[in-house]
Protein backbone atom coordinates (compact mmCIF):
# COMPACT_ATOMS: atom_id res chain seq x y z
CA MET A 1 -15.34 14.58 1.47
CA PRO A 2 -16.01 10.85 1.00
CA ILE A 3 -13.86 9.09 -1.57
CA GLN A 4 -15.60 7.88 -4.72
CA HIS A 5 -14.00 5.58 -7.26
CA VAL A 6 -14.08 5.96 -11.02
CA ARG A 7 -13.20 3.04 -13.26
CA ALA A 8 -11.27 3.71 -16.43
CA PRO A 9 -8.71 1.74 -18.43
CA ASP A 10 -5.22 1.89 -16.87
CA GLU A 11 -3.78 3.50 -20.00
CA ASP A 12 -6.40 6.30 -19.88
CA TRP A 13 -5.63 6.97 -16.19
CA ALA A 14 -1.89 7.01 -16.90
CA ASP A 15 -2.39 9.35 -19.88
CA LEU A 16 -4.63 11.66 -17.81
CA ASP A 17 -2.05 11.76 -15.02
CA THR A 18 0.69 12.63 -17.51
CA ALA A 19 -1.43 15.18 -19.40
CA SER A 20 -2.57 16.89 -16.17
CA ASP A 21 0.97 16.97 -14.76
CA GLY A 22 -0.10 14.90 -11.75
CA ARG A 23 -3.28 16.95 -11.14
CA ARG A 24 -5.63 14.11 -12.17
CA PRO A 25 -7.98 14.32 -9.13
CA GLU A 26 -8.34 18.09 -9.49
CA VAL A 27 -9.12 17.80 -13.21
CA VAL A 28 -11.74 15.11 -12.60
CA ARG A 29 -13.40 17.24 -9.88
CA GLU A 30 -13.40 20.29 -12.19
CA LEU A 31 -14.94 18.25 -15.00
CA ILE A 32 -17.70 16.92 -12.73
CA ARG A 33 -18.53 20.42 -11.42
CA TRP A 34 -18.64 21.77 -15.00
CA TYR A 35 -20.78 18.84 -16.22
CA LEU A 36 -23.29 19.46 -13.40
CA ARG A 37 -23.36 23.19 -14.21
CA ARG A 38 -22.32 24.19 -10.71
CA PRO A 39 -22.06 27.98 -10.17
CA GLY A 40 -18.59 29.21 -11.11
CA ALA A 41 -17.52 25.86 -12.52
CA ARG A 42 -15.32 25.95 -15.60
CA LEU A 43 -14.31 23.29 -18.03
CA PRO A 44 -10.73 22.22 -17.20
CA GLU A 45 -8.11 23.54 -19.60
CA ARG A 46 -6.85 20.87 -21.97
CA PRO A 47 -3.14 20.47 -22.64
CA PRO A 48 -1.82 20.47 -26.20
CA ALA A 49 -2.13 17.12 -27.95
CA ALA A 50 0.78 14.80 -27.28
CA ASP A 51 1.87 11.20 -27.43
CA TRP A 52 1.36 10.48 -23.72
CA PRO A 53 2.92 6.98 -23.68
CA ALA A 54 6.06 8.38 -25.36
CA THR A 55 6.09 11.27 -22.87
CA ARG A 56 5.94 8.79 -19.96
CA ALA A 57 8.67 6.62 -21.52
CA ALA A 58 10.95 9.65 -21.93
CA ALA A 59 10.34 10.64 -18.29
CA ALA A 60 11.09 7.08 -17.11
CA VAL A 61 14.35 6.92 -19.07
CA ALA A 62 15.34 10.39 -17.79
CA TRP A 63 14.65 9.27 -14.19
CA PHE A 64 16.72 6.09 -14.72
CA ALA A 65 19.56 8.11 -16.27
CA SER A 66 19.47 10.47 -13.27
CA LEU A 67 20.58 7.46 -11.19
CA GLY A 68 23.75 7.24 -13.28
CA HIS A 69 22.52 4.63 -15.75
CA ASP A 70 23.68 4.85 -19.37
CA VAL A 71 20.42 4.30 -21.24
CA ASP A 72 19.12 5.27 -24.68
CA LEU A 73 15.44 6.15 -25.12
CA ASN A 74 15.67 5.11 -28.77
CA ALA A 75 16.93 1.59 -27.99
CA PRO A 76 14.13 -0.25 -26.17
CA GLU A 77 14.25 -4.03 -25.91
CA ALA A 78 11.48 -6.52 -25.17
CA ASP A 79 11.59 -8.61 -22.02
CA ALA A 80 10.40 -12.24 -21.80
CA TYR A 81 6.79 -11.01 -21.63
CA GLY A 82 7.06 -8.62 -24.58
CA GLN A 83 7.12 -5.52 -22.35
CA ARG A 84 9.37 -2.66 -23.49
CA ILE A 85 12.42 -2.13 -21.30
CA TRP A 86 15.39 0.23 -21.54
CA ARG A 87 18.63 -1.40 -20.38
CA CYS A 88 21.66 0.33 -18.81
CA ARG A 89 24.67 -0.20 -21.07
CA LYS A 90 27.00 -0.17 -18.05
CA CYS A 91 25.41 -2.45 -15.46
CA GLY A 92 22.63 -4.31 -17.33
CA SER A 93 19.81 -3.17 -15.02
CA HIS A 94 16.72 -1.84 -16.75
CA VAL A 95 13.67 0.36 -16.42
CA ALA A 96 10.17 -0.45 -17.68
CA MET A 97 6.69 1.00 -17.26
CA ASN A 98 4.32 -0.69 -14.82
CA ASP A 99 0.64 -1.22 -15.64
CA LYS A 100 -0.17 2.21 -14.17
CA GLY A 101 2.30 3.97 -16.47
CA LYS A 102 4.90 4.60 -13.78
CA PRO A 103 8.61 3.76 -14.14
CA HIS A 104 9.74 0.54 -12.49
CA SER A 105 13.22 -0.92 -12.13
CA PRO A 106 14.15 -4.26 -10.50
CA SER A 107 17.03 -2.41 -8.85
CA GLY A 108 14.59 0.12 -7.39
CA LYS A 109 16.10 3.56 -6.96
CA ALA A 110 19.65 2.21 -6.76
CA ARG A 111 22.36 4.08 -8.58
CA CYS A 112 24.16 2.32 -11.43
CA ALA A 113 26.30 -0.50 -10.04
CA GLN A 114 29.16 0.33 -12.42
CA GLU A 115 29.05 3.97 -11.35
CA ARG A 116 29.20 2.92 -7.68
CA SER A 117 32.15 0.56 -8.24
CA THR A 118 34.05 3.25 -10.18
CA ALA A 119 33.47 5.74 -7.37
CA VAL A 120 34.72 3.24 -4.74
CA GLU A 121 37.92 2.54 -6.71
CA SER A 122 38.77 6.24 -7.03
């Protein structure tokens, strides 16, 4: 099947990806088949209403915390560009959301530096 591109605002794509639990391409294909009245096509099931940006932020903070970072979802800061970031209270590293709605950290997938140094000393 040849690849076709659909343009939509980044925030809408990110929200659709979150709402569809990563099944965005499948949902778009189902919607197109339904819209064209293809035999057997069904309208994709919609998830319950939610605050998708907040859902993505919570997932990003949970991912960052899973690396050993001590971070509070309810304490975002603004970086030099006004972007929301959540800073680790132990090592100072942070997580933010990129323009596609995915978590991004300057330290990559590295575990908390303070956690690593504590483990080495033990």
